[in-house]
């Protein structure tokens, strides 16, 4: 058995949202709006917010598959930004 510590490859995606932190946090806290269980943060940035989400590569994922999956998140982040900024 190996005792060497290892870390998983990770990718963090960020999107600036022109809404207060409290609004973004409230939206994300509602399970109906955000159903994934992933590490995420919302921090203030001027009058808006930065939403950051980190994905860790499971050992069973190839680098190519992990890259493909995390690339899909860009579309989801754009949708999140649009929904929150439009007030929908």
Protein backbone atom coordinates (compact mmCIF):
# COMPACT_ATOMS: atom_id res chain seq x y z
CA UNK A 1 0.00 0.00 0.00
CA UNK A 2 1.39 3.39 -1.00
CA UNK A 3 1.56 6.14 1.59
CA UNK A 4 2.46 8.80 -0.95
CA UNK A 5 -0.05 11.65 -0.96
CA UNK A 6 -1.60 12.42 -4.31
CA UNK A 7 -3.82 15.20 -5.53
CA UNK A 8 -6.43 15.17 -8.26
CA UNK A 9 -6.16 17.42 -11.27
CA UNK A 10 -8.60 20.31 -10.91
CA UNK A 11 -10.10 23.08 -13.01
CA UNK A 12 -11.73 26.21 -11.62
CA UNK A 13 -14.17 28.16 -13.77
CA UNK A 14 -15.19 31.75 -12.99
CA UNK A 15 -17.90 34.08 -14.27
CA UNK A 16 -18.55 37.72 -13.34
CA UNK A 17 -22.22 38.37 -12.61
CA UNK A 18 -23.52 41.92 -12.37
CA UNK A 19 -25.68 41.21 -9.32
CA UNK A 20 -24.98 41.56 -5.58
CA UNK A 21 -23.42 38.59 -3.77
CA UNK A 22 -26.59 38.06 -1.71
CA UNK A 23 -28.70 37.67 -4.88
CA UNK A 24 -26.29 35.20 -6.46
CA UNK A 25 -25.92 33.21 -3.25
CA UNK A 26 -29.71 33.06 -2.75
CA UNK A 27 -30.19 31.81 -6.31
CA UNK A 28 -27.54 29.12 -5.94
CA UNK A 29 -28.74 28.08 -2.47
CA UNK A 30 -32.08 27.03 -3.97
CA UNK A 31 -31.67 23.39 -5.02
CA UNK A 32 -34.22 23.90 -7.79
CA UNK A 33 -31.76 26.29 -9.48
CA UNK A 34 -28.50 24.44 -8.91
CA UNK A 35 -28.70 20.68 -8.54
CA UNK A 36 -25.02 19.70 -8.69
CA UNK A 37 -23.02 19.09 -5.55
CA UNK A 38 -19.68 20.72 -6.38
CA UNK A 39 -17.32 23.10 -4.56
CA UNK A 40 -18.39 26.64 -5.39
CA UNK A 41 -17.91 30.16 -4.07
CA UNK A 42 -19.52 33.54 -4.56
CA UNK A 43 -17.43 36.58 -3.68
CA UNK A 44 -18.07 40.31 -4.08
CA UNK A 45 -16.48 42.20 -6.96
CA UNK A 46 -17.43 45.86 -6.86
CA UNK A 47 -21.23 46.03 -7.14
CA UNK A 48 -21.30 42.57 -8.74
CA UNK A 49 -20.11 39.08 -7.90
CA UNK A 50 -17.65 36.43 -9.00
CA UNK A 51 -18.96 32.88 -9.06
CA UNK A 52 -16.25 30.21 -8.96
CA UNK A 53 -16.69 26.49 -9.26
CA UNK A 54 -14.00 23.83 -9.01
CA UNK A 55 -14.05 20.38 -10.56
CA UNK A 56 -11.73 17.58 -9.54
CA UNK A 57 -10.82 14.89 -12.06
CA UNK A 58 -11.90 11.44 -10.85
CA UNK A 59 -9.26 8.74 -11.33
CA UNK A 60 -11.47 6.94 -13.85
CA UNK A 61 -11.67 9.97 -16.19
CA UNK A 62 -9.12 10.38 -18.95
CA UNK A 63 -7.66 13.85 -19.38
CA UNK A 64 -9.55 14.22 -22.66
CA UNK A 65 -12.91 13.28 -21.13
CA UNK A 66 -12.36 15.58 -18.14
CA UNK A 67 -11.47 18.46 -20.48
CA UNK A 68 -14.61 17.83 -22.55
CA UNK A 69 -16.83 17.77 -19.46
CA UNK A 70 -15.40 20.92 -17.91
CA UNK A 71 -15.67 22.73 -21.25
CA UNK A 72 -19.44 22.18 -21.12
CA UNK A 73 -19.52 24.24 -17.93
CA UNK A 74 -18.74 27.42 -19.89
CA UNK A 75 -22.21 27.23 -21.46
CA UNK A 76 -23.81 26.64 -18.05
CA UNK A 77 -21.97 29.62 -16.55
CA UNK A 78 -23.09 31.85 -19.42
CA UNK A 79 -26.68 30.74 -18.77
CA UNK A 80 -26.31 31.40 -15.04
CA UNK A 81 -25.00 34.89 -15.78
CA UNK A 82 -27.85 35.60 -18.20
CA UNK A 83 -30.54 34.36 -15.81
CA UNK A 84 -29.26 36.34 -12.86
CA UNK A 85 -28.54 39.54 -14.77
CA UNK A 86 -31.91 39.51 -16.53
CA UNK A 87 -33.76 39.07 -13.25
CA UNK A 88 -35.65 36.06 -14.64
